Amino acid sequence: MKELTLDDLKDALRAAAGEAENLDDPADLLEVPFSELGYDSLAVMETTAQVERMLGIELPEEETAELKTPREYLDFVNARIGETV
């Protein structure tokens, strides 16, 4: 199973919640909170649904809702992918 990349996550965010103004701007995008990127908790939940479809895995909603940055999200999802292999 493939790994979730930052580009995959950005595509899922855009598909789930639309384009954020600064999604492509910050050099340290991985550390910028979703809220500062213009995505609320509902957007992250919708993104999770997109990622689940993309990767064919299930992610616990209550845990993904607690993830605050793209880095936390990627690390969490990729660890889950490793568990399902």
PDB file of N, CA and C in Angstrom:
ATOM      1  N   MET A   1       0.850  -1.172   0.000  1.00  0.00           N
ATOM      2  CA  MET A   1       0.000   0.000   0.000  1.00  0.00           C
ATOM      3  C   MET A   1       0.897   1.237   0.000  1.00  0.00           C
ATOM      4  N   LYS A   2       0.505   2.239  -0.727  1.00  0.00           N
ATOM      5  CA  LYS A   2       1.353   3.420  -0.836  1.00  0.00           C
ATOM      6  C   LYS A   2       1.271   4.310   0.395  1.00  0.00           C
ATOM      7  N   GLU A   3       2.208   5.212   0.483  1.00  0.00           N
ATOM      8  CA  GLU A   3       2.264   6.167   1.586  1.00  0.00           C
ATOM      9  C   GLU A   3       1.508   7.438   1.194  1.00  0.00           C
ATOM     10  N   LEU A   4       0.893   8.091   2.164  1.00  0.00           N
ATOM     11  CA  LEU A   4       0.228   9.364   1.924  1.00  0.00           C
ATOM     12  C   LEU A   4       1.286  10.456   1.905  1.00  0.00           C
ATOM     13  N   THR A   5       1.354  11.200   0.806  1.00  0.00           N
ATOM     14  CA  THR A   5       2.323  12.284   0.675  1.00  0.00           C
ATOM     15  C   THR A   5       1.651  13.618   0.957  1.00  0.00           C
ATOM     16  N   LEU A   6       2.461  14.660   1.084  1.00  0.00           N
ATOM     17  CA  LEU A   6       1.913  15.999   1.286  1.00  0.00           C
ATOM     18  C   LEU A   6       1.049  16.405   0.099  1.00  0.00           C
ATOM     19  N   ASP A   7       1.477  16.075  -1.113  1.00  0.00           N
ATOM     20  CA  ASP A   7       0.669  16.402  -2.294  1.00  0.00           C
ATOM     21  C   ASP A   7      -0.669  15.669  -2.269  1.00  0.00           C
ATOM     22  N   ASP A   8      -0.666  14.401  -1.839  1.00  0.00           N
ATOM     23  CA  ASP A   8      -1.920  13.652  -1.702  1.00  0.00           C
ATOM     24  C   ASP A   8      -2.841  14.335  -0.695  1.00  0.00           C
ATOM     25  N   LEU A   9      -2.268  14.757   0.428  1.00  0.00           N
ATOM     26  CA  LEU A   9      -3.061  15.412   1.466  1.00  0.00           C
ATOM     27  C   LEU A   9      -3.629  16.731   0.954  1.00  0.00           C
ATOM     28  N   LYS A  10      -2.828  17.503   0.241  1.00  0.00           N
ATOM     29  CA  LYS A  10      -3.323  18.769  -0.318  1.00  0.00           C
ATOM     30  C   LYS A  10      -4.453  18.511  -1.305  1.00  0.00           C
ATOM     31  N   ASP A  11      -4.325  17.489  -2.139  1.00  0.00           N
ATOM     32  CA  ASP A  11      -5.394  17.137  -3.080  1.00  0.00           C
ATOM     33  C   ASP A  11      -6.671  16.755  -2.335  1.00  0.00           C
ATOM     34  N   ALA A  12      -6.530  15.972  -1.262  1.00  0.00           N
ATOM     35  CA  ALA A  12      -7.695  15.553  -0.478  1.00  0.00           C
ATOM     36  C   ALA A  12      -8.343  16.746   0.214  1.00  0.00           C
ATOM     37  N   LEU A  13      -7.538  17.661   0.743  1.00  0.00           N
ATOM     38  CA  LEU A  13      -8.082  18.872   1.370  1.00  0.00           C
ATOM     39  C   LEU A  13      -8.864  19.698   0.357  1.00  0.00           C
ATOM     40  N   ARG A  14      -8.288  19.872  -0.823  1.00  0.00           N
ATOM     41  CA  ARG A  14      -8.972  20.649  -1.863  1.00  0.00           C
ATOM     42  C   ARG A  14     -10.273  19.976  -2.291  1.00  0.00           C
ATOM     43  N   ALA A  15     -10.253  18.663  -2.458  1.00  0.00           N
ATOM     44  CA  ALA A  15     -11.453  17.931  -2.880  1.00  0.00           C
ATOM     45  C   ALA A  15     -12.537  17.989  -1.813  1.00  0.00           C
ATOM     46  N   ALA A  16     -12.131  17.936  -0.555  1.00  0.00           N
ATOM     47  CA  ALA A  16     -13.095  17.894   0.543  1.00  0.00           C
ATOM     48  C   ALA A  16     -13.626  19.266   0.919  1.00  0.00           C
ATOM     49  N   ALA A  17     -12.757  20.275   0.876  1.00  0.00           N
ATOM     50  CA  ALA A  17     -13.148  21.560   1.454  1.00  0.00           C
ATOM     51  C   ALA A  17     -12.790  22.771   0.604  1.00  0.00           C
ATOM     52  N   GLY A  18     -12.298  22.551  -0.590  1.00  0.00           N
ATOM     53  CA  GLY A  18     -11.967  23.680  -1.447  1.00  0.00           C
ATOM     54  C   GLY A  18     -10.542  24.167  -1.237  1.00  0.00           C
ATOM     55  N   GLU A  19     -10.196  25.146  -2.026  1.00  0.00           N
ATOM     56  CA  GLU A  19      -8.842  25.694  -2.031  1.00  0.00           C
ATOM     57  C   GLU A  19      -8.669  26.698  -0.903  1.00  0.00           C
ATOM     58  N   ALA A  20      -7.645  26.510  -0.097  1.00  0.00           N
ATOM     59  CA  ALA A  20      -7.288  27.498   0.918  1.00  0.00           C
ATOM     60  C   ALA A  20      -6.359  28.511   0.270  1.00  0.00           C
ATOM     61  N   GLU A  21      -6.413  29.733   0.777  1.00  0.00           N
ATOM     62  CA  GLU A  21      -5.607  30.802   0.193  1.00  0.00           C
ATOM     63  C   GLU A  21      -4.113  30.489   0.195  1.00  0.00           C
ATOM     64  N   ASN A  22      -3.626  29.917   1.265  1.00  0.00           N
ATOM     65  CA  ASN A  22      -2.177  29.764   1.414  1.00  0.00           C
ATOM     66  C   ASN A  22      -1.716  28.315   1.488  1.00  0.00           C
ATOM     67  N   LEU A  23      -2.435  27.410   0.866  1.00  0.00           N
ATOM     68  CA  LEU A  23      -2.066  25.996   0.941  1.00  0.00           C
ATOM     69  C   LEU A  23      -0.735  25.717   0.251  1.00  0.00           C
ATOM     70  N   ASP A  24      -0.386  26.487  -0.753  1.00  0.00           N
ATOM     71  CA  ASP A  24       0.869  26.263  -1.468  1.00  0.00           C
ATOM     72  C   ASP A  24       1.968  27.239  -1.070  1.00  0.00           C
ATOM     73  N   ASP A  25       1.668  28.182  -0.185  1.00  0.00           N
ATOM     74  CA  ASP A  25       2.620  29.237   0.132  1.00  0.00           C
ATOM     75  C   ASP A  25       3.701  28.889   1.150  1.00  0.00           C
ATOM     76  N   PRO A  26       3.329  28.507   2.361  1.00  0.00           N
ATOM     77  CA  PRO A  26       4.354  28.406   3.406  1.00  0.00           C
ATOM     78  C   PRO A  26       5.397  27.329   3.133  1.00  0.00           C
ATOM     79  N   ALA A  27       6.648  27.692   3.360  1.00  0.00           N
ATOM     80  CA  ALA A  27       7.724  26.714   3.229  1.00  0.00           C
ATOM     81  C   ALA A  27       7.608  25.667   4.328  1.00  0.00           C
ATOM     82  N   ASP A  28       7.074  26.088   5.467  1.00  0.00           N
ATOM     83  CA  ASP A  28       6.920  25.177   6.602  1.00  0.00           C
ATOM     84  C   ASP A  28       5.483  24.675   6.712  1.00  0.00           C
ATOM     85  N   LEU A  29       4.854  24.425   5.577  1.00  0.00           N
ATOM     86  CA  LEU A  29       3.451  24.020   5.522  1.00  0.00           C
ATOM     87  C   LEU A  29       3.149  22.855   6.457  1.00  0.00           C
ATOM     88  N   LEU A  30       4.077  21.946   6.613  1.00  0.00           N
ATOM     89  CA  LEU A  30       3.846  20.776   7.454  1.00  0.00           C
ATOM     90  C   LEU A  30       3.565  21.147   8.905  1.00  0.00           C
ATOM     91  N   GLU A  31       4.042  22.301   9.341  1.00  0.00           N
ATOM     92  CA  GLU A  31       3.895  22.711  10.741  1.00  0.00           C
ATOM     93  C   GLU A  31       2.782  23.732  10.962  1.00  0.00           C
ATOM     94  N   VAL A  32       2.140  24.203   9.906  1.00  0.00           N
ATOM     95  CA  VAL A  32       1.089  25.215  10.037  1.00  0.00           C
ATOM     96  C   VAL A  32      -0.223  24.525  10.407  1.00  0.00           C
ATOM     97  N   PRO A  33      -0.861  24.952  11.506  1.00  0.00           N
ATOM     98  CA  PRO A  33      -2.136  24.329  11.889  1.00  0.00           C
ATOM     99  C   PRO A  33      -3.179  24.433  10.777  1.00  0.00           C
ATOM    100  N   PHE A  34      -4.008  23.386  10.665  1.00  0.00           N
ATOM    101  CA  PHE A  34      -5.072  23.401   9.663  1.00  0.00           C
ATOM    102  C   PHE A  34      -5.924  24.658   9.790  1.00  0.00           C
ATOM    103  N   SER A  35      -6.191  25.091  11.018  1.00  0.00           N
ATOM    104  CA  SER A  35      -7.032  26.275  11.227  1.00  0.00           C
ATOM    105  C   SER A  35      -6.408  27.518  10.597  1.00  0.00           C
ATOM    106  N   GLU A  36      -5.085  27.637  10.641  1.00  0.00           N
ATOM    107  CA  GLU A  36      -4.409  28.781  10.022  1.00  0.00           C
ATOM    108  C   GLU A  36      -4.377  28.667   8.500  1.00  0.00           C
ATOM    109  N   LEU A  37      -4.553  27.454   7.992  1.00  0.00           N
ATOM    110  CA  LEU A  37      -4.614  27.245   6.546  1.00  0.00           C
ATOM    111  C   LEU A  37      -6.027  27.468   6.013  1.00  0.00           C
ATOM    112  N   GLY A  38      -6.977  27.672   6.923  1.00  0.00           N
ATOM    113  CA  GLY A  38      -8.356  27.921   6.511  1.00  0.00           C
ATOM    114  C   GLY A  38      -9.249  26.694   6.559  1.00  0.00           C
ATOM    115  N   TYR A  39      -8.791  25.618   7.207  1.00  0.00           N
ATOM    116  CA  TYR A  39      -9.574  24.386   7.295  1.00  0.00           C
ATOM    117  C   TYR A  39     -10.007  24.135   8.733  1.00  0.00           C
ATOM    118  N   ASP A  40     -11.315  24.004   8.947  1.00  0.00           N
ATOM    119  CA  ASP A  40     -11.835  23.715  10.279  1.00  0.00           C
ATOM    120  C   ASP A  40     -11.919  22.208  10.503  1.00  0.00           C
ATOM    121  N   SER A  41     -12.436  21.812  11.651  1.00  0.00           N
ATOM    122  CA  SER A  41     -12.490  20.384  11.990  1.00  0.00           C
ATOM    123  C   SER A  41     -13.385  19.601  11.033  1.00  0.00           C
ATOM    124  N   LEU A  42     -14.440  20.216  10.539  1.00  0.00           N
ATOM    125  CA  LEU A  42     -15.308  19.542   9.568  1.00  0.00           C
ATOM    126  C   LEU A  42     -14.544  19.273   8.268  1.00  0.00           C
ATOM    127  N   ALA A  43     -13.734  20.226   7.850  1.00  0.00           N
ATOM    128  CA  ALA A  43     -12.925  20.038   6.641  1.00  0.00           C
ATOM    129  C   ALA A  43     -11.939  18.886   6.821  1.00  0.00           C
ATOM    130  N   VAL A  44     -11.375  18.774   8.009  1.00  0.00           N
ATOM    131  CA  VAL A  44     -10.439  17.676   8.273  1.00  0.00           C
ATOM    132  C   VAL A  44     -11.184  16.338   8.262  1.00  0.00           C
ATOM    133  N   MET A  45     -12.403  16.311   8.792  1.00  0.00           N
ATOM    134  CA  MET A  45     -13.208  15.083   8.752  1.00  0.00           C
ATOM    135  C   MET A  45     -13.518  14.678   7.315  1.00  0.00           C
ATOM    136  N   GLU A  46     -13.888  15.643   6.486  1.00  0.00           N
ATOM    137  CA  GLU A  46     -14.166  15.360   5.076  1.00  0.00           C
ATOM    138  C   GLU A  46     -12.899  14.906   4.356  1.00  0.00           C
ATOM    139  N   THR A  47     -11.785  15.509   4.717  1.00  0.00           N
ATOM    140  CA  THR A  47     -10.504  15.104   4.142  1.00  0.00           C
ATOM    141  C   THR A  47     -10.189  13.659   4.503  1.00  0.00           C
ATOM    142  N   THR A  48     -10.481  13.295   5.734  1.00  0.00           N
ATOM    143  CA  THR A  48     -10.251  11.920   6.174  1.00  0.00           C
ATOM    144  C   THR A  48     -11.063  10.945   5.330  1.00  0.00           C
ATOM    145  N   ALA A  49     -12.298  11.300   5.019  1.00  0.00           N
ATOM    146  CA  ALA A  49     -13.120  10.438   4.161  1.00  0.00           C
ATOM    147  C   ALA A  49     -12.478  10.293   2.780  1.00  0.00           C
ATOM    148  N   GLN A  50     -11.940  11.381   2.249  1.00  0.00           N
ATOM    149  CA  GLN A  50     -11.248  11.338   0.957  1.00  0.00           C
ATOM    150  C   GLN A  50     -10.021  10.420   1.028  1.00  0.00           C
ATOM    151  N   VAL A  51      -9.244  10.572   2.091  1.00  0.00           N
ATOM    152  CA  VAL A  51      -8.028   9.769   2.262  1.00  0.00           C
ATOM    153  C   VAL A  51      -8.379   8.291   2.413  1.00  0.00           C
ATOM    154  N   GLU A  52      -9.431   7.994   3.164  1.00  0.00           N
ATOM    155  CA  GLU A  52      -9.859   6.600   3.324  1.00  0.00           C
ATOM    156  C   GLU A  52     -10.197   5.977   1.977  1.00  0.00           C
ATOM    157  N   ARG A  53     -10.922   6.711   1.145  1.00  0.00           N
ATOM    158  CA  ARG A  53     -11.259   6.200  -0.194  1.00  0.00           C
ATOM    159  C   ARG A  53     -10.008   6.046  -1.052  1.00  0.00           C
ATOM    160  N   MET A  54      -9.124   7.022  -0.972  1.00  0.00           N
ATOM    161  CA  MET A  54      -7.909   7.024  -1.780  1.00  0.00           C
ATOM    162  C   MET A  54      -7.016   5.824  -1.449  1.00  0.00           C
ATOM    163  N   LEU A  55      -6.902   5.516  -0.156  1.00  0.00           N
ATOM    164  CA  LEU A  55      -5.968   4.481   0.282  1.00  0.00           C
ATOM    165  C   LEU A  55      -6.631   3.149   0.610  1.00  0.00           C
ATOM    166  N   GLY A  56      -7.956   3.128   0.651  1.00  0.00           N
ATOM    167  CA  GLY A  56      -8.658   1.893   0.967  1.00  0.00           C
ATOM    168  C   GLY A  56      -8.468   1.439   2.405  1.00  0.00           C
ATOM    169  N   ILE A  57      -8.386   2.400   3.328  1.00  0.00           N
ATOM    170  CA  ILE A  57      -8.229   2.080   4.749  1.00  0.00           C
ATOM    171  C   ILE A  57      -9.299   2.803   5.553  1.00  0.00           C
ATOM    172  N   GLU A  58      -9.455   2.407   6.809  1.00  0.00           N
ATOM    173  CA  GLU A  58     -10.350   3.103   7.725  1.00  0.00           C
ATOM    174  C   GLU A  58      -9.508   3.802   8.780  1.00  0.00           C
ATOM    175  N   LEU A  59      -9.891   5.046   9.080  1.00  0.00           N
ATOM    176  CA  LEU A  59      -9.182   5.829  10.085  1.00  0.00           C
ATOM    177  C   LEU A  59     -10.157   6.216  11.190  1.00  0.00           C
ATOM    178  N   PRO A  60      -9.742   6.142  12.446  1.00  0.00           N
ATOM    179  CA  PRO A  60     -10.633   6.487  13.551  1.00  0.00           C
ATOM    180  C   PRO A  60     -10.913   7.994  13.584  1.00  0.00           C
ATOM    181  N   GLU A  61     -12.178   8.343  13.420  1.00  0.00           N
ATOM    182  CA  GLU A  61     -12.594   9.740  13.330  1.00  0.00           C
ATOM    183  C   GLU A  61     -12.185  10.551  14.554  1.00  0.00           C
ATOM    184  N   GLU A  62     -12.357   9.963  15.741  1.00  0.00           N
ATOM    185  CA  GLU A  62     -12.040  10.702  16.968  1.00  0.00           C
ATOM    186  C   GLU A  62     -10.552  11.011  17.074  1.00  0.00           C
ATOM    187  N   GLU A  63      -9.712  10.173  16.514  1.00  0.00           N
ATOM    188  CA  GLU A  63      -8.267  10.422  16.559  1.00  0.00           C
ATOM    189  C   GLU A  63      -7.827  11.399  15.479  1.00  0.00           C
ATOM    190  N   THR A  64      -8.358  11.275  14.276  1.00  0.00           N
ATOM    191  CA  THR A  64      -7.959  12.206  13.210  1.00  0.00           C
ATOM    192  C   THR A  64      -8.457  13.612  13.505  1.00  0.00           C
ATOM    193  N   ALA A  65      -9.556  13.739  14.239  1.00  0.00           N
ATOM    194  CA  ALA A  65     -10.080  15.062  14.591  1.00  0.00           C
ATOM    195  C   ALA A  65      -9.123  15.816  15.513  1.00  0.00           C
ATOM    196  N   GLU A  66      -8.253  15.099  16.201  1.00  0.00           N
ATOM    197  CA  GLU A  66      -7.302  15.719  17.131  1.00  0.00           C
ATOM    198  C   GLU A  66      -6.011  16.179  16.452  1.00  0.00           C
ATOM    199  N   LEU A  67      -5.807  15.800  15.212  1.00  0.00           N
ATOM    200  CA  LEU A  67      -4.573  16.146  14.502  1.00  0.00           C
ATOM    201  C   LEU A  67      -4.626  17.604  14.073  1.00  0.00           C
ATOM    202  N   LYS A  68      -3.596  18.359  14.412  1.00  0.00           N
ATOM    203  CA  LYS A  68      -3.625  19.811  14.212  1.00  0.00           C
ATOM    204  C   LYS A  68      -2.858  20.316  13.000  1.00  0.00           C
ATOM    205  N   THR A  69      -1.864  19.568  12.533  1.00  0.00           N
ATOM    206  CA  THR A  69      -1.029  20.041  11.427  1.00  0.00           C
ATOM    207  C   THR A  69      -0.922  18.970  10.339  1.00  0.00           C
ATOM    208  N   PRO A  70      -0.555  19.374   9.137  1.00  0.00           N
ATOM    209  CA  PRO A  70      -0.335  18.377   8.087  1.00  0.00           C
ATOM    210  C   PRO A  70       0.702  17.320   8.481  1.00  0.00           C
ATOM    211  N   ARG A  71       1.764  17.708   9.191  1.00  0.00           N
ATOM    212  CA  ARG A  71       2.772  16.725   9.605  1.00  0.00           C
ATOM    213  C   ARG A  71       2.155  15.687  10.540  1.00  0.00           C
ATOM    214  N   GLU A  72       1.382  16.132  11.530  1.00  0.00           N
ATOM    215  CA  GLU A  72       0.725  15.187  12.442  1.00  0.00           C
ATOM    216  C   GLU A  72      -0.198  14.254  11.662  1.00  0.00           C
ATOM    217  N   TYR A  73      -0.927  14.822  10.713  1.00  0.00           N
ATOM    218  CA  TYR A  73      -1.873  14.033   9.925  1.00  0.00           C
ATOM    219  C   TYR A  73      -1.138  12.979   9.095  1.00  0.00           C
ATOM    220  N   LEU A  74      -0.101  13.406   8.379  1.00  0.00           N
ATOM    221  CA  LEU A  74       0.665  12.471   7.548  1.00  0.00           C
ATOM    222  C   LEU A  74       1.307  11.372   8.390  1.00  0.00           C
ATOM    223  N   ASP A  75       1.914  11.758   9.508  1.00  0.00           N
ATOM    224  CA  ASP A  75       2.555  10.761  10.371  1.00  0.00           C
ATOM    225  C   ASP A  75       1.534   9.748  10.880  1.00  0.00           C
ATOM    226  N   PHE A  76       0.366  10.234  11.292  1.00  0.00           N
ATOM    227  CA  PHE A  76      -0.675   9.353  11.819  1.00  0.00           C
ATOM    228  C   PHE A  76      -1.169   8.389  10.741  1.00  0.00           C
ATOM    229  N   VAL A  77      -1.514   8.927   9.580  1.00  0.00           N
ATOM    230  CA  VAL A  77      -2.058   8.087   8.510  1.00  0.00           C
ATOM    231  C   VAL A  77      -1.017   7.074   8.042  1.00  0.00           C
ATOM    232  N   ASN A  78       0.207   7.508   7.856  1.00  0.00           N
ATOM    233  CA  ASN A  78       1.235   6.586   7.366  1.00  0.00           C
ATOM    234  C   ASN A  78       1.566   5.502   8.392  1.00  0.00           C
ATOM    235  N   ALA A  79       1.461   5.812   9.666  1.00  0.00           N
ATOM    236  CA  ALA A  79       1.631   4.782  10.693  1.00  0.00           C
ATOM    237  C   ALA A  79       0.496   3.765  10.611  1.00  0.00           C
ATOM    238  N   ARG A  80      -0.720   4.246  10.349  1.00  0.00           N
ATOM    239  CA  ARG A  80      -1.872   3.341  10.219  1.00  0.00           C
ATOM    240  C   ARG A  80      -1.723   2.454   8.985  1.00  0.00           C
ATOM    241  N   ILE A  81      -1.203   3.009   7.903  1.00  0.00           N
ATOM    242  CA  ILE A  81      -0.973   2.208   6.693  1.00  0.00           C
ATOM    243  C   ILE A  81      -0.007   1.081   7.021  1.00  0.00           C
ATOM    244  N   GLY A  82       1.049   1.393   7.760  1.00  0.00           N
ATOM    245  CA  GLY A  82       2.023   0.382   8.148  1.00  0.00           C
ATOM    246  C   GLY A  82       1.420  -0.726   8.993  1.00  0.00           C
ATOM    247  N   GLU A  83       0.410  -0.388   9.797  1.00  0.00           N
ATOM    248  CA  GLU A  83      -0.248  -1.384  10.650  1.00  0.00           C
ATOM    249  C   GLU A  83      -1.125  -2.331   9.849  1.00  0.00           C
ATOM    250  N   THR A  84      -1.641  -1.862   8.697  1.00  0.00           N
ATOM    251  CA  THR A  84      -2.581  -2.674   7.927  1.00  0.00           C
ATOM    252  C   THR A  84      -1.903  -3.572   6.910  1.00  0.00           C
ATOM    253  N   VAL A  85      -0.605  -3.412   6.725  1.00  0.00           N
ATOM    254  CA  VAL A  85       0.116  -4.216   5.732  1.00  0.00           C
ATOM    255  C   VAL A  85       0.398  -5.596   6.268  1.00  0.00           C
TER     256      VAL A  85
END
